[in-house]
Amino acid sequence: MSTNPKNRREEALRYHSEGRPGKVEVVPTKPYSTQYDLSLAYSPGVAEPCLEIEKNPEDAYLYTNKGNLVAVISNGTAVLGLGDIGALAGKPVMEGKGLLFKTFADVDVFDIEVDEKDTERFIATVKAISPTFGGINLEDIKAPECFEIETRLKAELDIPVMHDDQHGTAIISAAALLNALEIVGKRIGDILVVINGAGAAAVSCARLYKSMGVREENMIMCDTKGVINTARTDLSTAKREFATARAVETLAEAMAGSDVFLGLSVGDVVTQEMVQSMAADPIVMALANPDPEIAYDKAIASREDIIFATGRSDYPNQVNNALGFPYIFRGALDVRARKINEEMKIAAVRALAELAKEPVPASVVEAYGGAPLAFGRGYLIPKPLDPRLIGYVSPAVARAAVESGVARQPITDWEAYRITLEKRRTHK
């Protein structure tokens, strides 16, 4: 793998263009080699399942791919670190998401790029095409529109809807947070958390952390203008939710004495002095990409008791959304969940945290360079290539769906379900 940016650019373009352009394709799942096969696949035989579905819409799960099909939908307004580059330019990302869904959890994906920035028209478009799918993964939609889009679609559709930019980061970082707190011996109800960034991911992280026990009064959120506090009059609805009454104005003031820093903003806004001002055993998750809020070497050099995570694969403790979304949707689809609720997200958090404490298979160690991997300050959450993820996260999510009452097809034999997941993991 090249570390030279020029070479990496050339390799990435060649990767996407060589052979069949793009990263995904559609392949048949039924016989098609004879005239009789085709008469069943299409006319006249196809009329029979159509009539059954007309009588009972739930039969779509029996006769079509709906139950294993997720739409990855974007309007291209917040693509990775590239910003508003448009729906078409974002298509490689959506195809990549489809590749990860299929590779990690055997979930089929149609990527849907919608050239529409108007919130109402975007919602109407997604609703209109929703009968095709068993779930909808919203992707790369800018804040604040993404909040209303997801909220409305979750309320108005009866299939799982999740904006991964919000909840994926929240779930994975929450798992890292739980394990880091266990390592340093701090209770989640006692910690002071500083969040730099106030976009979709930051707001979702703050909400999930609250659900898991962080006290609202112990949370400080900052945007480009400084601390979001109750004295400000320029706050959106989402920001007002996290306005603090503490007498702090700047990020540096907020970080003094804090236990946790979560960065979802831009690179190089945190100094070594800020990290040194934090409480003992500070937990710093600097997730800006490609440059963290504080560089890895500077953070590690700032103090010996730091626990540090980034969004980058070349450093320990990568907070990678691929640890979550394939398996969350897998579990949701397998019980035909009506939604992905808070209980299911928390179940995913705890499953990830639990798996990180298990011995790491040799195959995973080898895939990541051969250095030992064991639960501790440098290994808070599993690696994305860990084959056990599907067997941990998906059953936890499915069980939470059943127990919270949103599953239309509850699982009763959980051991048999785990066997089917193992078969899906080895599907090629």
Protein backbone atom coordinates (compact mmCIF):
# COMPACT_ATOMS: atom_id res chain seq x y z
CA MET A 1 0.00 0.00 0.00
CA SER A 2 1.42 3.35 -1.02
CA THR A 3 1.81 6.17 1.48
CA ASN A 4 2.64 8.70 -1.24
CA PRO A 5 -0.45 10.87 -1.90
CA LYS A 6 0.26 11.06 -5.64
CA ASN A 7 0.67 7.31 -5.95
CA ARG A 8 -2.38 6.68 -3.77
CA ARG A 9 -4.48 8.96 -6.00
CA GLU A 10 -3.38 7.06 -9.11
CA GLU A 11 -3.96 3.70 -7.44
CA ALA A 12 -7.43 4.74 -6.26
CA LEU A 13 -8.47 5.91 -9.71
CA ARG A 14 -7.12 2.72 -11.29
CA TYR A 15 -8.87 0.59 -8.63
CA HIS A 16 -12.23 2.15 -9.49
CA SER A 17 -11.83 2.13 -13.28
CA GLU A 18 -10.03 -1.10 -14.23
CA GLY A 19 -12.13 -3.97 -15.55
CA ARG A 20 -15.81 -3.37 -14.86
CA PRO A 21 -16.04 0.28 -13.67
CA GLY A 22 -17.25 0.83 -10.12
CA LYS A 23 -17.29 -1.53 -7.15
CA VAL A 24 -20.60 -3.45 -7.19
CA GLU A 25 -22.79 -5.40 -9.61
CA VAL A 26 -26.13 -7.22 -9.64
CA VAL A 27 -26.09 -11.00 -10.10
CA PRO A 28 -28.98 -13.48 -10.50
CA THR A 29 -29.92 -15.72 -7.59
CA LYS A 30 -32.16 -18.16 -9.50
CA PRO A 31 -31.59 -20.50 -12.49
CA TYR A 32 -31.86 -18.79 -15.88
CA SER A 33 -30.27 -21.17 -18.41
CA THR A 34 -33.45 -22.65 -19.94
CA GLN A 35 -36.60 -21.32 -21.55
CA TYR A 36 -38.60 -22.73 -18.64
CA ASP A 37 -36.38 -20.94 -16.10
CA LEU A 38 -37.05 -17.66 -17.91
CA SER A 39 -40.80 -18.34 -17.99
CA LEU A 40 -40.71 -18.54 -14.20
CA ALA A 41 -38.37 -15.60 -13.72
CA TYR A 42 -40.45 -13.33 -15.94
CA SER A 43 -43.63 -13.75 -17.95
CA PRO A 44 -45.86 -15.62 -17.36
CA GLY A 45 -44.67 -17.14 -14.08
CA VAL A 46 -43.77 -13.87 -12.40
CA ALA A 47 -47.47 -12.96 -12.23
CA GLU A 48 -48.05 -15.48 -9.44
CA PRO A 49 -45.89 -13.82 -6.74
CA CYS A 50 -47.22 -10.43 -7.89
CA LEU A 51 -50.77 -11.55 -7.13
CA GLU A 52 -49.74 -13.00 -3.76
CA ILE A 53 -48.06 -9.74 -2.76
CA GLU A 54 -51.12 -7.79 -3.88
CA LYS A 55 -53.19 -9.86 -1.46
CA ASN A 56 -50.64 -9.71 1.36
CA PRO A 57 -47.86 -7.08 1.12
CA GLU A 58 -45.78 -8.94 3.73
CA ASP A 59 -45.28 -11.67 1.13
CA ALA A 60 -42.83 -9.33 -0.58
CA TYR A 61 -40.36 -10.61 1.99
CA LEU A 62 -41.07 -14.16 0.82
CA TYR A 63 -40.98 -13.70 -2.95
CA THR A 64 -38.55 -10.80 -3.54
CA ASN A 65 -35.17 -9.55 -2.31
CA LYS A 66 -36.80 -6.84 -0.15
CA GLY A 67 -35.81 -8.55 3.10
CA ASN A 68 -32.09 -8.39 2.31
CA LEU A 69 -31.99 -5.13 0.38
CA VAL A 70 -30.90 -1.76 1.76
CA ALA A 71 -30.90 1.56 -0.06
CA VAL A 72 -27.84 3.72 0.50
CA ILE A 73 -29.30 7.13 -0.29
CA SER A 74 -27.53 10.49 -0.50
CA ASN A 75 -27.94 13.90 -2.06
CA GLY A 76 -24.19 14.52 -1.94
CA THR A 77 -24.33 17.56 0.34
CA ALA A 78 -21.79 16.33 2.94
CA VAL A 79 -19.61 13.71 1.30
CA LEU A 80 -16.83 12.50 3.60
CA GLY A 81 -14.47 15.43 4.08
CA LEU A 82 -15.27 16.78 0.62
CA GLY A 83 -18.41 18.74 1.45
CA ASP A 84 -21.24 19.52 -0.98
CA ILE A 85 -19.86 17.94 -4.15
CA GLY A 86 -23.23 16.85 -5.53
CA ALA A 87 -25.15 13.61 -5.78
CA LEU A 88 -23.29 12.18 -8.79
CA ALA A 89 -19.81 12.93 -7.43
CA GLY A 90 -20.76 11.14 -4.22
CA LYS A 91 -21.66 7.91 -6.05
CA PRO A 92 -18.24 6.23 -5.49
CA VAL A 93 -18.79 6.58 -1.75
CA MET A 94 -22.26 5.06 -1.93
CA GLU A 95 -20.97 2.18 -4.05
CA GLY A 96 -18.22 1.69 -1.48
CA LYS A 97 -20.83 1.51 1.25
CA GLY A 98 -22.57 -1.18 -0.76
CA LEU A 99 -19.34 -3.14 -1.02
CA LEU A 100 -18.90 -3.04 2.76
CA PHE A 101 -22.51 -4.05 3.42
CA LYS A 102 -22.13 -7.09 1.16
CA THR A 103 -18.62 -8.08 2.18
CA PHE A 104 -19.10 -7.84 5.92
CA ALA A 105 -22.76 -8.83 6.41
CA ASP A 106 -24.12 -10.21 3.11
CA VAL A 107 -26.58 -7.31 2.81
CA ASP A 108 -27.47 -6.34 -0.76
CA VAL A 109 -27.47 -2.64 -1.62
CA PHE A 110 -28.76 -0.35 -4.33
CA ASP A 111 -26.98 2.98 -4.13
CA ILE A 112 -29.41 5.83 -4.85
CA GLU A 113 -28.04 9.29 -5.63
CA VAL A 114 -30.86 11.84 -5.39
CA ASP A 115 -30.20 15.20 -7.04
CA GLU A 116 -32.38 17.12 -4.60
CA LYS A 117 -31.45 19.53 -1.80
CA ASP A 118 -34.97 20.58 -0.83
CA THR A 119 -35.85 18.70 2.36
CA GLU A 120 -39.52 18.11 1.56
CA ARG A 121 -38.84 16.88 -1.96
CA PHE A 122 -36.00 14.66 -0.78
CA ILE A 123 -38.24 13.08 1.86
CA ALA A 124 -40.99 12.58 -0.71
CA THR A 125 -38.55 10.89 -3.09
CA VAL A 126 -37.28 8.46 -0.47
CA LYS A 127 -40.82 7.63 0.65
CA ALA A 128 -41.88 7.01 -2.94
CA ILE A 129 -39.14 4.42 -3.57
CA SER A 130 -39.20 2.84 -0.10
CA PRO A 131 -41.42 -0.16 -1.00
CA THR A 132 -38.41 -1.64 -2.83
CA PHE A 133 -36.29 -1.90 0.30
CA GLY A 134 -36.08 -3.64 3.66
CA GLY A 135 -34.08 -0.74 5.12
CA ILE A 136 -32.70 2.69 4.28
CA ASN A 137 -29.20 3.92 5.08
CA LEU A 138 -29.09 7.69 4.69
CA GLU A 139 -25.59 8.89 3.87
CA ASP A 140 -23.64 12.12 3.51
CA ILE A 141 -26.52 14.55 3.98
CA LYS A 142 -25.56 17.85 5.60
CA ALA A 143 -26.85 19.23 8.89
CA PRO A 144 -29.28 20.55 9.92
CA GLU A 145 -31.44 19.09 7.11
CA CYS A 146 -30.32 15.55 7.96
CA PHE A 147 -32.03 15.72 11.37
CA GLU A 148 -35.46 16.47 9.96
CA ILE A 149 -35.02 14.04 7.06
CA GLU A 150 -34.17 11.14 9.33
CA THR A 151 -36.78 12.01 11.97
CA ARG A 152 -39.56 12.29 9.38
CA LEU A 153 -38.62 9.13 7.51
CA LYS A 154 -38.37 7.11 10.72
CA ALA A 155 -41.84 8.29 11.71
CA GLU A 156 -43.47 7.85 8.31
CA LEU A 157 -41.94 4.56 7.11
CA ASP A 158 -42.27 1.09 8.61
CA ILE A 159 -38.75 -0.11 7.75
CA PRO A 160 -35.43 0.66 9.49
CA VAL A 161 -34.00 4.08 8.62
CA MET A 162 -30.59 5.22 9.88
CA HIS A 163 -28.40 8.18 8.97
CA ASP A 164 -25.04 6.51 9.42
CA ASP A 165 -23.05 9.74 9.58
CA GLN A 166 -24.93 10.50 12.77
CA HIS A 167 -25.37 7.18 14.48
CA GLY A 168 -22.46 5.14 13.18
CA THR A 169 -19.88 7.43 14.75
CA ALA A 170 -21.96 7.67 17.91
CA ILE A 171 -22.20 3.90 18.33
CA ILE A 172 -18.55 3.11 17.64
CA SER A 173 -17.19 5.98 19.74
CA ALA A 174 -19.54 5.06 22.59
CA ALA A 175 -18.12 1.53 22.62
CA ALA A 176 -14.60 2.97 22.76
CA LEU A 177 -15.70 5.32 25.54
CA LEU A 178 -17.18 2.52 27.66
CA ASN A 179 -14.03 0.44 27.45
CA ALA A 180 -11.73 3.41 28.05
CA LEU A 181 -13.69 4.32 31.17
CA GLU A 182 -13.39 0.74 32.40
CA ILE A 183 -9.62 0.83 31.88
CA VAL A 184 -9.16 4.09 33.81
CA GLY A 185 -11.72 3.25 36.49
CA LYS A 186 -14.12 6.14 35.94
CA ARG A 187 -17.91 6.03 36.05
CA ILE A 188 -19.84 7.37 33.09
CA GLY A 189 -22.13 9.41 35.35
CA ASP A 190 -19.16 11.31 36.80
CA ILE A 191 -17.20 12.33 33.71
CA LEU A 192 -16.99 15.77 32.08
CA VAL A 193 -17.21 15.46 28.27
CA VAL A 194 -16.16 18.14 25.79
CA ILE A 195 -17.33 17.80 22.19
CA ASN A 196 -15.76 19.99 19.52
CA GLY A 197 -18.08 20.13 16.54
CA ALA A 198 -21.83 20.57 16.38
CA GLY A 199 -22.81 18.81 13.17
CA ALA A 200 -24.82 15.65 12.61
CA ALA A 201 -22.30 13.23 14.12
CA ALA A 202 -21.56 15.44 17.15
CA VAL A 203 -25.21 15.89 18.04
CA SER A 204 -25.91 12.17 17.67
CA CYS A 205 -22.88 11.29 19.81
CA ALA A 206 -24.04 13.68 22.52
CA ARG A 207 -27.53 12.20 22.51
CA LEU A 208 -26.30 8.61 22.68
CA TYR A 209 -23.80 9.42 25.43
CA LYS A 210 -26.68 10.92 27.44
CA SER A 211 -28.73 7.77 26.88
CA MET A 212 -25.84 5.74 28.24
CA GLY A 213 -25.38 7.79 31.39
CA VAL A 214 -23.39 10.97 30.74
CA ARG A 215 -25.12 13.74 32.65
CA GLU A 216 -26.35 16.62 30.54
CA GLU A 217 -24.81 19.20 32.85
CA ASN A 218 -21.43 17.45 32.41
CA MET A 219 -21.37 17.91 28.65
CA ILE A 220 -19.92 20.91 26.82
CA MET A 221 -20.27 21.28 23.06
CA CYS A 222 -18.29 23.75 20.95
CA ASP A 223 -18.73 25.05 17.43
CA THR A 224 -16.62 27.39 15.30
CA LYS A 225 -17.61 30.32 17.52
CA GLY A 226 -16.63 28.68 20.79
CA VAL A 227 -18.60 27.06 23.57
CA ILE A 228 -22.32 26.60 22.93
CA ASN A 229 -23.70 28.20 26.07
CA THR A 230 -27.01 29.58 27.26
CA ALA A 231 -25.84 33.19 26.78
CA ARG A 232 -25.69 32.80 23.00
CA THR A 233 -28.61 33.88 20.84
CA ASP A 234 -27.44 32.39 17.52
CA LEU A 235 -28.17 28.73 18.24
CA SER A 236 -30.12 26.27 16.11
CA THR A 237 -32.63 23.95 17.74
CA ALA A 238 -30.09 21.11 17.85
CA LYS A 239 -27.42 23.34 19.41
CA ARG A 240 -29.81 24.78 22.02
CA GLU A 241 -30.35 21.22 23.22
CA PHE A 242 -26.72 21.14 24.39
CA ALA A 243 -26.17 24.72 25.55
CA THR A 244 -24.26 24.71 28.83
CA ALA A 245 -24.73 27.06 31.77
CA ARG A 246 -21.06 26.73 32.70
CA ALA A 247 -19.01 29.93 32.62
CA VAL A 248 -16.72 28.91 29.78
CA GLU A 249 -16.31 30.54 26.37
CA THR A 250 -13.45 28.84 24.53
CA LEU A 251 -12.44 25.27 23.72
CA ALA A 252 -9.31 25.66 25.83
CA GLU A 253 -11.38 26.74 28.84
CA ALA A 254 -13.80 23.86 28.32
CA MET A 255 -11.06 21.22 28.15
CA ALA A 256 -9.45 22.25 31.43
CA GLY A 257 -10.26 19.51 33.96
CA SER A 258 -12.32 17.48 31.50
CA ASP A 259 -12.20 13.69 31.35
CA VAL A 260 -13.14 13.16 27.72
CA PHE A 261 -12.55 15.10 24.51
CA LEU A 262 -14.46 14.11 21.38
CA GLY A 263 -13.44 15.88 18.19
CA LEU A 264 -15.73 15.90 15.16
CA SER A 265 -14.49 19.11 13.63
CA VAL A 266 -11.25 20.01 11.84
CA GLY A 267 -7.58 19.21 12.18
CA ASP A 268 -5.06 20.80 14.52
CA VAL A 269 -7.42 22.81 16.75
CA VAL A 270 -6.25 21.13 19.97
CA THR A 271 -2.82 21.86 21.43
CA GLN A 272 -0.65 19.79 23.72
CA GLU A 273 -1.30 22.36 26.45
CA MET A 274 -5.05 21.73 26.16
CA VAL A 275 -4.52 17.99 26.55
CA GLN A 276 -2.22 18.60 29.51
CA SER A 277 -4.95 20.64 31.19
CA MET A 278 -7.36 17.69 31.22
CA ALA A 279 -8.02 15.47 34.23
CA ALA A 280 -5.97 12.36 35.01
CA ASP A 281 -6.17 9.55 32.44
CA PRO A 282 -7.77 11.70 29.75
CA ILE A 283 -9.69 10.04 26.93
CA VAL A 284 -9.14 11.90 23.65
CA MET A 285 -11.03 10.83 20.53
CA ALA A 286 -9.82 13.16 17.76
CA LEU A 287 -11.92 11.96 14.83
CA ALA A 288 -11.45 14.66 12.20
CA ASN A 289 -10.20 13.17 8.91
CA PRO A 290 -7.69 13.08 7.42
CA ASP A 291 -6.04 15.27 10.05
CA PRO A 292 -7.15 14.76 13.68
CA GLU A 293 -7.83 17.69 15.99
CA ILE A 294 -4.40 16.93 17.43
CA ALA A 295 -1.79 14.83 15.64
CA TYR A 296 -1.15 11.37 17.05
CA ASP A 297 2.51 11.96 17.88
CA LYS A 298 1.77 15.26 19.61
CA ALA A 299 -1.07 13.76 21.64
CA ILE A 300 0.97 10.78 22.79
CA ALA A 301 3.91 13.03 23.67
CA SER A 302 1.73 15.41 25.66
CA ARG A 303 1.26 13.01 28.60
CA GLU A 304 1.84 9.37 29.45
CA ASP A 305 -1.65 8.63 30.83
CA ILE A 306 -3.60 9.55 27.67
CA ILE A 307 -5.95 7.16 25.87
CA PHE A 308 -6.09 8.29 22.26
CA ALA A 309 -8.34 7.39 19.33
CA THR A 310 -8.69 8.74 15.80
CA GLY A 311 -10.70 8.03 12.68
CA ARG A 312 -7.57 6.88 10.83
CA SER A 313 -6.60 3.29 10.08
CA ASP A 314 -2.88 3.92 10.54
CA TYR A 315 -3.17 4.58 14.30
CA PRO A 316 -4.52 2.48 17.18
CA ASN A 317 -8.17 2.73 18.23
CA GLN A 318 -9.68 3.66 14.88
CA VAL A 319 -13.32 4.70 15.26
CA ASN A 320 -14.57 3.19 12.02
CA ASN A 321 -18.27 3.14 11.10
CA ALA A 322 -17.74 -0.16 9.30
CA LEU A 323 -17.78 -1.77 12.74
CA GLY A 324 -21.45 -0.91 13.00
CA PHE A 325 -23.74 -0.31 10.05
CA PRO A 326 -23.43 -3.68 8.21
CA TYR A 327 -24.21 -5.67 11.34
CA ILE A 328 -26.85 -3.29 12.69
CA PHE A 329 -28.84 -3.53 9.47
CA ARG A 330 -28.21 -7.29 9.31
CA GLY A 331 -29.82 -7.75 12.72
CA ALA A 332 -32.66 -5.34 11.92
CA LEU A 333 -33.44 -7.03 8.59
CA ASP A 334 -33.39 -10.51 10.07
CA VAL A 335 -36.26 -9.72 12.45
CA ARG A 336 -38.01 -7.41 9.96
CA ALA A 337 -37.68 -4.51 12.39
CA ARG A 338 -39.93 -1.49 11.87
CA LYS A 339 -37.15 0.85 12.97
CA ILE A 340 -33.68 1.10 14.48
CA ASN A 341 -34.34 2.42 17.96
CA GLU A 342 -32.23 3.52 20.90
CA GLU A 343 -32.29 0.05 22.44
CA MET A 344 -30.83 -1.47 19.28
CA LYS A 345 -28.08 1.15 19.07
CA ILE A 346 -27.09 0.64 22.71
CA ALA A 347 -27.08 -3.13 22.16
CA ALA A 348 -24.61 -2.60 19.31
CA VAL A 349 -22.44 -0.43 21.57
CA ARG A 350 -22.28 -3.06 24.29
CA ALA A 351 -21.64 -5.90 21.83
CA LEU A 352 -18.67 -4.05 20.33
CA ALA A 353 -17.30 -3.25 23.78
CA GLU A 354 -17.66 -6.89 24.81
CA LEU A 355 -15.94 -8.27 21.71
CA ALA A 356 -12.90 -6.06 22.27
CA LYS A 357 -12.23 -7.90 25.52
CA GLU A 358 -12.03 -11.30 23.84
CA PRO A 359 -8.73 -12.81 22.61
CA VAL A 360 -8.03 -11.62 19.06
CA PRO A 361 -7.79 -14.33 16.38
CA ALA A 362 -4.41 -14.81 14.73
CA SER A 363 -5.93 -14.03 11.33
CA VAL A 364 -6.90 -10.55 12.54
CA VAL A 365 -3.49 -9.91 14.08
CA GLU A 366 -1.85 -10.93 10.81
CA ALA A 367 -4.18 -8.72 8.77
CA TYR A 368 -3.06 -5.72 10.80
CA GLY A 369 0.67 -6.23 10.57
CA GLY A 370 1.33 -8.93 13.14
CA ALA A 371 1.71 -6.73 16.24
CA PRO A 372 -0.07 -8.18 19.30
CA LEU A 373 -3.64 -6.98 19.87
CA ALA A 374 -5.16 -7.22 23.33
CA PHE A 375 -7.73 -5.22 25.27
CA GLY A 376 -6.12 -2.13 26.73
CA ARG A 377 -5.26 1.50 26.06
CA GLY A 378 -4.17 0.75 22.51
CA TYR A 379 -7.04 -1.61 21.67
CA LEU A 380 -10.41 -0.32 22.82
CA ILE A 381 -12.63 -1.61 20.02
CA PRO A 382 -12.41 -4.44 17.50
CA LYS A 383 -10.77 -4.13 14.10
CA PRO A 384 -13.05 -3.86 11.04
CA LEU A 385 -11.70 -7.11 9.56
CA ASP A 386 -12.58 -9.14 12.66
CA PRO A 387 -14.81 -11.98 11.38
CA ARG A 388 -16.56 -12.29 14.75
CA LEU A 389 -18.33 -8.92 14.44
CA ILE A 390 -21.37 -10.34 12.68
CA GLY A 391 -21.81 -12.97 15.39
CA TYR A 392 -21.66 -10.38 18.17
CA VAL A 393 -23.35 -7.25 16.87
CA SER A 394 -26.14 -8.61 14.68
CA PRO A 395 -27.66 -10.95 17.31
CA ALA A 396 -27.44 -8.20 19.93
CA VAL A 397 -29.30 -5.78 17.65
CA ALA A 398 -31.86 -8.41 16.63
CA ARG A 399 -32.52 -9.38 20.25
CA ALA A 400 -32.94 -5.73 21.26
CA ALA A 401 -35.45 -5.27 18.43
CA VAL A 402 -37.43 -8.25 19.64
CA GLU A 403 -37.33 -7.19 23.29
CA SER A 404 -38.28 -3.59 22.49
CA GLY A 405 -41.26 -4.66 20.42
CA VAL A 406 -40.25 -3.45 16.94
CA ALA A 407 -39.60 -6.88 15.37
CA ARG A 408 -42.24 -8.31 13.04
CA GLN A 409 -40.51 -11.68 12.78
CA PRO A 410 -38.97 -12.50 16.16
CA ILE A 411 -36.17 -15.04 16.38
CA THR A 412 -36.73 -17.93 18.78
CA ASP A 413 -33.72 -20.17 18.10
CA TRP A 414 -30.73 -17.89 18.64
CA GLU A 415 -28.14 -20.62 18.17
CA ALA A 416 -29.57 -21.48 14.76
CA TYR A 417 -29.50 -17.78 13.94
CA ARG A 418 -25.81 -17.56 14.79
CA ILE A 419 -25.14 -20.47 12.42
CA THR A 420 -26.91 -18.63 9.58
CA LEU A 421 -24.79 -15.56 10.32
CA GLU A 422 -21.63 -17.62 10.08
CA LYS A 423 -22.75 -18.86 6.67
CA ARG A 424 -23.39 -15.29 5.57
CA ARG A 425 -19.93 -14.25 6.75
CA THR A 426 -18.31 -16.84 4.51
CA HIS A 427 -20.56 -15.95 1.56
CA LYS A 428 -18.56 -14.83 -1.45
